[in-house]
Each structure stands twice: as C-alpha cells, then as structure tokens.
Amino acid sequence: MRAQFTGWPEQAMDVLWQLQGEPTHATRELYRADRERLVRQPMIALLNEVADTDPRYEDFSVWHYRTNSWWWQHQSAVIRLGRKIEIGLRFDLDGLRIQGAWWYPDPGQVDMFRRAVASEGSGRELSAIVEDVRKKGYDVSGDVMKRPPRGYPTNHSRTNLLRHRSLIAARPLGCEEWLHTPEAVGQVLSAAADLDDLLMWLVRHVKPAA
C-alpha cells in the first residue's frame, strides 16, 4: 500500500539544513535514511496524488541522490508529457518550485519549434500563451541564440521566440504552512494548470524526431 501524501514534515527542513555546503561522505551517510524518509518519500507520495488526477501525469520520476552535493540539497522530480517536454518540481530550503520545460531537444525538434513559431496561427497562439504565463508570475527563459536563426527574417514579429532552442517557464510556489499539509497537492495542480496551454502547445508542435 502506497504512502498517502500528508505534506513534508517540518523536520525535512532540518535535514536539508544539515546537508548545506559541501557535506562530507560521512555526513551524507549519517542523514541518508532521514533524507529518504522525510524529503524524498513525501515527493513520491505527492507525485502519486497528482498522477491520480490526470492520466497525463502518470509518467513521473523522483530523483535519487548523486555524487554532487546539489542533489542532496534539492529534491527534484519530473512529470513527462512529451518527448523532452515536462513539468519539473523541486523541494529545498526555499520551499517548492515548479517549471514547465521543453529542453535538451532531440535532433530536429528545434526546427519543428521554429516552423511552428513562424507560422501565423500557431506562432500567434504561442506568443499569447507566453505572455499569459508571464502575467501569472512565471519567469520565461531557455537556451536563446544571440541572433535570429538562419532562414528567418531578422525583423520577424516573433523573433524573440524564434531565437529559443529550449523554452522554460518557472516560478517558486513558496515555503508557506501548506507545504507541510496535503494542501500542497492543490498548489501543484493549480500551477500545472497555469502551464497546461504552454506544454500542450509544445506537445502538439514539437514532435519527436523520426
């Protein structure tokens, strides 16, 4: 029987605090079991609750610890919606953060993205979606070229989007009391709804390379 998500225990913050800086191997091993129980397992429970609300959210991963200390200090997870298109969650001392991302593209995906951006219908749609996401408090970023790509006019009305080789919309959800309660599920679902139009546009237009 899987664990029900009840929020991150307040002791989770104490564990992450002990892992700040460059913790030694001995320190990591000392806190490994507590970190698994108090930090990583609640993230798994949260993602299971989120997946129950929508079949699109059923493909998810919650990362283990790696040799780099960053991975011990931040608990990351992803929900995959398409090839290289995902919702990312991160829990750390700053609280919970969410992002919608298309990144590390497969060969051919950047060209698909640019053609869709240059097309009047799909390009105008994306431009409006990105503006709406920004108004909701998301920082929009990505791997952006200094100049417009070859083959597209330098004065194209959506040249800023054409320069993207990845597209990320992210914002912190905060570190309020709800983080330690089941209410965190609703916070994640509300933020996922903010990102839905952007991610579904990408799913439609940035298809996997053959």
C-alpha atoms as a PDB file:
ATOM      1  CA  MET A   1       0.000   0.000   0.000  1.00  0.00           C
ATOM      2  CA  ARG A   2       1.497   3.301  -1.071  1.00  0.00           C
ATOM      3  CA  ALA A   3       2.004   6.154   1.388  1.00  0.00           C
ATOM      4  CA  GLN A   4      -0.580   8.936   1.376  1.00  0.00           C
ATOM      5  CA  PHE A   5       0.794  12.437   0.960  1.00  0.00           C
ATOM      6  CA  THR A   6       0.347  14.461   4.135  1.00  0.00           C
ATOM      7  CA  GLY A   7       2.908  17.180   3.413  1.00  0.00           C
ATOM      8  CA  TRP A   8       6.621  17.452   4.086  1.00  0.00           C
ATOM      9  CA  PRO A   9       7.360  17.128   7.795  1.00  0.00           C
ATOM     10  CA  GLU A  10       8.941  20.222   9.283  1.00  0.00           C
ATOM     11  CA  GLN A  11      11.935  18.034  10.192  1.00  0.00           C
ATOM     12  CA  ALA A  12      12.650  17.754   6.447  1.00  0.00           C
ATOM     13  CA  MET A  13      13.995  21.293   6.558  1.00  0.00           C
ATOM     14  CA  ASP A  14      16.310  20.364   9.436  1.00  0.00           C
ATOM     15  CA  VAL A  15      17.745  17.502   7.389  1.00  0.00           C
ATOM     16  CA  LEU A  16      18.331  19.702   4.337  1.00  0.00           C
ATOM     17  CA  TRP A  17      19.971  22.313   6.546  1.00  0.00           C
ATOM     18  CA  GLN A  18      22.472  19.716   7.765  1.00  0.00           C
ATOM     19  CA  LEU A  19      23.362  18.943   4.137  1.00  0.00           C
ATOM     20  CA  GLN A  20      24.201  22.512   3.122  1.00  0.00           C
ATOM     21  CA  GLY A  21      27.626  23.494   1.806  1.00  0.00           C
ATOM     22  CA  GLU A  22      29.845  20.550   0.884  1.00  0.00           C
ATOM     23  CA  PRO A  23      28.824  17.788   3.281  1.00  0.00           C
ATOM     24  CA  THR A  24      31.327  15.001   3.761  1.00  0.00           C
ATOM     25  CA  HIS A  25      30.573  11.435   2.784  1.00  0.00           C
ATOM     26  CA  ALA A  26      30.163  10.617   6.469  1.00  0.00           C
ATOM     27  CA  THR A  27      27.602  13.425   6.899  1.00  0.00           C
ATOM     28  CA  ARG A  28      25.633  12.277   3.867  1.00  0.00           C
ATOM     29  CA  GLU A  29      25.527   8.723   5.148  1.00  0.00           C
ATOM     30  CA  LEU A  30      24.503   9.923   8.599  1.00  0.00           C
ATOM     31  CA  TYR A  31      21.443  11.706   7.161  1.00  0.00           C
ATOM     32  CA  ARG A  32      20.686   9.379   4.238  1.00  0.00           C
ATOM     33  CA  ALA A  33      17.860   7.462   5.932  1.00  0.00           C
ATOM     34  CA  ASP A  34      16.247  10.611   7.338  1.00  0.00           C
ATOM     35  CA  ARG A  35      16.504  12.357   3.990  1.00  0.00           C
ATOM     36  CA  GLU A  36      14.871   9.413   2.232  1.00  0.00           C
ATOM     37  CA  ARG A  37      12.016   9.252   4.757  1.00  0.00           C
ATOM     38  CA  LEU A  38      11.415  12.961   5.280  1.00  0.00           C
ATOM     39  CA  VAL A  39      12.336  14.511   1.912  1.00  0.00           C
ATOM     40  CA  ARG A  40      12.248  12.037  -0.987  1.00  0.00           C
ATOM     41  CA  GLN A  41       9.375   9.769   0.059  1.00  0.00           C
ATOM     42  CA  PRO A  42       6.954  12.706   0.503  1.00  0.00           C
ATOM     43  CA  MET A  43       7.818  13.823  -3.048  1.00  0.00           C
ATOM     44  CA  ILE A  44       6.927  10.342  -4.324  1.00  0.00           C
ATOM     45  CA  ALA A  45       3.652  10.450  -2.398  1.00  0.00           C
ATOM     46  CA  LEU A  46       2.890  13.914  -3.798  1.00  0.00           C
ATOM     47  CA  LEU A  47       3.507  12.778  -7.386  1.00  0.00           C
ATOM     48  CA  ASN A  48       1.280   9.749  -6.889  1.00  0.00           C
ATOM     49  CA  GLU A  49      -1.536  12.025  -5.702  1.00  0.00           C
ATOM     50  CA  VAL A  50      -1.003  14.352  -8.671  1.00  0.00           C
ATOM     51  CA  ALA A  51      -0.949  11.407 -11.114  1.00  0.00           C
ATOM     52  CA  ASP A  52      -4.313  10.222  -9.784  1.00  0.00           C
ATOM     53  CA  THR A  53      -5.950  13.434 -11.014  1.00  0.00           C
ATOM     54  CA  ASP A  54      -4.971  13.163 -14.697  1.00  0.00           C
ATOM     55  CA  PRO A  55      -3.638  10.224 -16.765  1.00  0.00           C
ATOM     56  CA  ARG A  56      -1.232  12.616 -18.496  1.00  0.00           C
ATOM     57  CA  TYR A  57       0.672  12.900 -15.194  1.00  0.00           C
ATOM     58  CA  GLU A  58       1.265   9.190 -14.675  1.00  0.00           C
ATOM     59  CA  ASP A  59       4.792   9.092 -16.186  1.00  0.00           C
ATOM     60  CA  PHE A  60       6.971  10.621 -13.490  1.00  0.00           C
ATOM     61  CA  SER A  61      10.360  10.175 -11.833  1.00  0.00           C
ATOM     62  CA  VAL A  62      11.648  11.286  -8.446  1.00  0.00           C
ATOM     63  CA  TRP A  63      15.429  11.562  -8.499  1.00  0.00           C
ATOM     64  CA  HIS A  64      17.809   9.731  -6.179  1.00  0.00           C
ATOM     65  CA  TYR A  65      20.924  11.294  -4.692  1.00  0.00           C
ATOM     66  CA  ARG A  66      24.021  11.667  -6.839  1.00  0.00           C
ATOM     67  CA  THR A  67      27.640  12.373  -6.010  1.00  0.00           C
ATOM     68  CA  ASN A  68      27.199  16.148  -6.438  1.00  0.00           C
ATOM     69  CA  SER A  69      26.075  17.748  -3.170  1.00  0.00           C
ATOM     70  CA  TRP A  70      23.392  19.768  -5.037  1.00  0.00           C
ATOM     71  CA  TRP A  71      21.299  16.639  -5.453  1.00  0.00           C
ATOM     72  CA  TRP A  72      21.330  16.043  -1.713  1.00  0.00           C
ATOM     73  CA  GLN A  73      20.235  19.617  -1.007  1.00  0.00           C
ATOM     74  CA  HIS A  74      17.426  19.715  -3.592  1.00  0.00           C
ATOM     75  CA  GLN A  75      14.805  17.018  -4.177  1.00  0.00           C
ATOM     76  CA  SER A  76      13.819  17.071  -7.833  1.00  0.00           C
ATOM     77  CA  ALA A  77      11.100  15.266  -9.769  1.00  0.00           C
ATOM     78  CA  VAL A  78       9.674  15.411 -13.291  1.00  0.00           C
ATOM     79  CA  ILE A  79       6.347  14.595 -14.909  1.00  0.00           C
ATOM     80  CA  ARG A  80       6.826  13.734 -18.591  1.00  0.00           C
ATOM     81  CA  LEU A  81       4.168  14.986 -21.007  1.00  0.00           C
ATOM     82  CA  GLY A  82       6.023  14.532 -24.285  1.00  0.00           C
ATOM     83  CA  ARG A  83       9.468  13.937 -25.702  1.00  0.00           C
ATOM     84  CA  LYS A  84      11.705  16.366 -23.756  1.00  0.00           C
ATOM     85  CA  ILE A  85       8.565  18.173 -22.504  1.00  0.00           C
ATOM     86  CA  GLU A  86       7.925  18.010 -18.779  1.00  0.00           C
ATOM     87  CA  ILE A  87       6.763  19.546 -15.548  1.00  0.00           C
ATOM     88  CA  GLY A  88       9.603  19.824 -13.065  1.00  0.00           C
ATOM     89  CA  LEU A  89       9.254  20.107  -9.283  1.00  0.00           C
ATOM     90  CA  ARG A  90      11.968  20.936  -6.775  1.00  0.00           C
ATOM     91  CA  PHE A  91      11.788  20.915  -2.991  1.00  0.00           C
ATOM     92  CA  ASP A  92      14.547  22.540  -0.934  1.00  0.00           C
ATOM     93  CA  LEU A  93      15.095  25.063   1.858  1.00  0.00           C
ATOM     94  CA  ASP A  94      13.379  27.723  -0.265  1.00  0.00           C
ATOM     95  CA  GLY A  95      10.238  25.607  -0.458  1.00  0.00           C
ATOM     96  CA  LEU A  96       8.653  24.204  -3.606  1.00  0.00           C
ATOM     97  CA  ARG A  97       9.379  25.342  -7.164  1.00  0.00           C
ATOM     98  CA  ILE A  98       7.660  24.345 -10.411  1.00  0.00           C
ATOM     99  CA  GLN A  99       8.616  24.698 -14.044  1.00  0.00           C
ATOM    100  CA  GLY A 100       7.251  23.705 -17.405  1.00  0.00           C
ATOM    101  CA  ALA A 101      10.061  22.928 -19.809  1.00  0.00           C
ATOM    102  CA  TRP A 102      10.952  21.813 -23.289  1.00  0.00           C
ATOM    103  CA  TRP A 103      14.737  21.379 -23.173  1.00  0.00           C
ATOM    104  CA  TYR A 104      17.667  19.198 -24.221  1.00  0.00           C
ATOM    105  CA  PRO A 105      15.843  18.750 -27.556  1.00  0.00           C
ATOM    106  CA  ASP A 106      16.244  15.790 -29.843  1.00  0.00           C
ATOM    107  CA  PRO A 107      17.655  16.395 -33.334  1.00  0.00           C
ATOM    108  CA  GLY A 108      15.013  18.056 -35.468  1.00  0.00           C
ATOM    109  CA  GLN A 109      12.900  19.361 -32.601  1.00  0.00           C
ATOM    110  CA  VAL A 110      14.338  22.878 -32.727  1.00  0.00           C
ATOM    111  CA  ASP A 111      13.479  23.127 -36.437  1.00  0.00           C
ATOM    112  CA  MET A 112       9.920  21.949 -35.686  1.00  0.00           C
ATOM    113  CA  PHE A 113       9.623  24.563 -32.956  1.00  0.00           C
ATOM    114  CA  ARG A 114      10.835  27.353 -35.254  1.00  0.00           C
ATOM    115  CA  ARG A 115       8.469  26.407 -38.066  1.00  0.00           C
ATOM    116  CA  ALA A 116       5.550  26.430 -35.637  1.00  0.00           C
ATOM    117  CA  VAL A 117       6.630  29.802 -34.222  1.00  0.00           C
ATOM    118  CA  ALA A 118       6.993  31.290 -37.712  1.00  0.00           C
ATOM    119  CA  SER A 119       3.542  30.043 -38.799  1.00  0.00           C
ATOM    120  CA  GLU A 120       0.930  32.741 -38.223  1.00  0.00           C
ATOM    121  CA  GLY A 121      -1.667  30.585 -36.482  1.00  0.00           C
ATOM    122  CA  SER A 122       0.497  28.523 -34.147  1.00  0.00           C
ATOM    123  CA  GLY A 123       3.038  31.317 -33.694  1.00  0.00           C
ATOM    124  CA  ARG A 124       0.469  33.867 -32.578  1.00  0.00           C
ATOM    125  CA  GLU A 125      -1.018  31.265 -30.259  1.00  0.00           C
ATOM    126  CA  LEU A 126       2.336  30.599 -28.576  1.00  0.00           C
ATOM    127  CA  SER A 127       3.091  34.298 -28.263  1.00  0.00           C
ATOM    128  CA  ALA A 128      -0.218  34.855 -26.449  1.00  0.00           C
ATOM    129  CA  ILE A 129       0.357  31.825 -24.213  1.00  0.00           C
ATOM    130  CA  VAL A 130       3.839  33.003 -23.208  1.00  0.00           C
ATOM    131  CA  GLU A 131       2.514  36.474 -22.405  1.00  0.00           C
ATOM    132  CA  ASP A 132      -0.255  34.967 -20.265  1.00  0.00           C
ATOM    133  CA  VAL A 133       2.243  32.761 -18.398  1.00  0.00           C
ATOM    134  CA  ARG A 134       4.421  35.800 -17.679  1.00  0.00           C
ATOM    135  CA  LYS A 135       1.414  37.687 -16.294  1.00  0.00           C
ATOM    136  CA  LYS A 136       0.847  34.805 -13.881  1.00  0.00           C
ATOM    137  CA  GLY A 137       4.303  35.378 -12.414  1.00  0.00           C
ATOM    138  CA  TYR A 138       6.403  32.857 -14.316  1.00  0.00           C
ATOM    139  CA  ASP A 139       9.921  33.626 -15.473  1.00  0.00           C
ATOM    140  CA  VAL A 140      10.261  32.570 -19.119  1.00  0.00           C
ATOM    141  CA  SER A 141      13.757  31.565 -20.191  1.00  0.00           C
ATOM    142  CA  GLY A 142      15.682  28.940 -22.119  1.00  0.00           C
ATOM    143  CA  ASP A 143      18.669  28.451 -24.378  1.00  0.00           C
ATOM    144  CA  VAL A 144      18.404  31.593 -26.502  1.00  0.00           C
ATOM    145  CA  MET A 145      20.569  32.459 -29.515  1.00  0.00           C
ATOM    146  CA  LYS A 146      22.090  35.926 -29.717  1.00  0.00           C
ATOM    147  CA  ARG A 147      20.795  36.360 -33.272  1.00  0.00           C
ATOM    148  CA  PRO A 148      17.725  35.129 -35.169  1.00  0.00           C
ATOM    149  CA  PRO A 149      18.292  31.724 -36.797  1.00  0.00           C
ATOM    150  CA  ARG A 150      19.298  31.496 -40.451  1.00  0.00           C
ATOM    151  CA  GLY A 151      16.437  31.385 -42.882  1.00  0.00           C
ATOM    152  CA  TYR A 152      14.170  33.696 -40.885  1.00  0.00           C
ATOM    153  CA  PRO A 153      13.910  37.474 -41.332  1.00  0.00           C
ATOM    154  CA  THR A 154      15.664  39.496 -38.655  1.00  0.00           C
ATOM    155  CA  ASN A 155      12.575  41.702 -38.326  1.00  0.00           C
ATOM    156  CA  HIS A 156      10.143  38.815 -37.799  1.00  0.00           C
ATOM    157  CA  SER A 157       7.409  39.816 -35.317  1.00  0.00           C
ATOM    158  CA  ARG A 158       8.238  36.781 -33.144  1.00  0.00           C
ATOM    159  CA  THR A 159      11.999  36.886 -33.485  1.00  0.00           C
ATOM    160  CA  ASN A 160      12.468  36.621 -29.710  1.00  0.00           C
ATOM    161  CA  LEU A 161      10.705  33.246 -29.708  1.00  0.00           C
ATOM    162  CA  LEU A 162      12.490  32.104 -32.862  1.00  0.00           C
ATOM    163  CA  ARG A 163      15.814  32.514 -31.066  1.00  0.00           C
ATOM    164  CA  HIS A 164      14.844  29.889 -28.459  1.00  0.00           C
ATOM    165  CA  ARG A 165      16.404  26.415 -28.588  1.00  0.00           C
ATOM    166  CA  SER A 166      14.537  25.487 -25.421  1.00  0.00           C
ATOM    167  CA  LEU A 167      11.658  27.075 -23.535  1.00  0.00           C
ATOM    168  CA  ILE A 168      11.181  27.115 -19.770  1.00  0.00           C
ATOM    169  CA  ALA A 169       8.548  28.796 -17.601  1.00  0.00           C
ATOM    170  CA  ALA A 170       9.261  28.644 -13.865  1.00  0.00           C
ATOM    171  CA  ARG A 171       8.260  30.194 -10.563  1.00  0.00           C
ATOM    172  CA  PRO A 172       8.595  29.436  -6.853  1.00  0.00           C
ATOM    173  CA  LEU A 173       5.419  28.222  -5.168  1.00  0.00           C
ATOM    174  CA  GLY A 174       6.697  29.300  -1.785  1.00  0.00           C
ATOM    175  CA  CYS A 175       7.522  27.950   1.624  1.00  0.00           C
ATOM    176  CA  GLU A 176       4.245  28.543   3.444  1.00  0.00           C
ATOM    177  CA  GLU A 177       2.497  26.370   6.012  1.00  0.00           C
ATOM    178  CA  TRP A 178       0.628  24.477   3.247  1.00  0.00           C
ATOM    179  CA  LEU A 179       3.926  22.826   2.327  1.00  0.00           C
ATOM    180  CA  HIS A 180       3.577  20.675   5.440  1.00  0.00           C
ATOM    181  CA  THR A 181      -0.013  19.671   4.661  1.00  0.00           C
ATOM    182  CA  PRO A 182      -1.962  17.811   1.945  1.00  0.00           C
ATOM    183  CA  GLU A 183      -2.820  21.245   0.511  1.00  0.00           C
ATOM    184  CA  ALA A 184       0.478  21.092  -1.392  1.00  0.00           C
ATOM    185  CA  VAL A 185      -1.237  18.805  -3.923  1.00  0.00           C
ATOM    186  CA  GLY A 186      -3.712  21.549  -4.785  1.00  0.00           C
ATOM    187  CA  GLN A 187      -0.912  24.103  -5.080  1.00  0.00           C
ATOM    188  CA  VAL A 188       0.913  21.889  -7.574  1.00  0.00           C
ATOM    189  CA  LEU A 189      -2.239  21.176  -9.592  1.00  0.00           C
ATOM    190  CA  SER A 190      -3.095  24.884  -9.762  1.00  0.00           C
ATOM    191  CA  ALA A 191       0.393  25.712 -11.039  1.00  0.00           C
ATOM    192  CA  ALA A 192       0.258  22.805 -13.512  1.00  0.00           C
ATOM    193  CA  ALA A 193      -2.973  24.284 -14.875  1.00  0.00           C
ATOM    194  CA  ASP A 194      -1.134  27.598 -15.394  1.00  0.00           C
ATOM    195  CA  LEU A 195       1.401  25.764 -17.554  1.00  0.00           C
ATOM    196  CA  ASP A 196      -1.004  23.485 -19.404  1.00  0.00           C
ATOM    197  CA  ASP A 197      -1.566  25.615 -22.523  1.00  0.00           C
ATOM    198  CA  LEU A 198       2.180  26.110 -22.974  1.00  0.00           C
ATOM    199  CA  LEU A 199       3.061  22.460 -22.518  1.00  0.00           C
ATOM    200  CA  MET A 200       0.233  21.203 -24.732  1.00  0.00           C
ATOM    201  CA  TRP A 201       1.287  23.627 -27.473  1.00  0.00           C
ATOM    202  CA  LEU A 202       4.745  22.101 -27.282  1.00  0.00           C
ATOM    203  CA  VAL A 203       3.362  18.551 -27.292  1.00  0.00           C
ATOM    204  CA  ARG A 204       1.423  19.341 -30.473  1.00  0.00           C
ATOM    205  CA  HIS A 205       4.132  21.182 -32.356  1.00  0.00           C
ATOM    206  CA  VAL A 206       7.482  19.829 -31.141  1.00  0.00           C
ATOM    207  CA  LYS A 207       7.046  16.185 -32.044  1.00  0.00           C
ATOM    208  CA  PRO A 208       9.739  13.537 -31.580  1.00  0.00           C
ATOM    209  CA  ALA A 209      12.192  13.213 -34.409  1.00  0.00           C
ATOM    210  CA  ALA A 210      11.693  10.126 -36.559  1.00  0.00           C
END
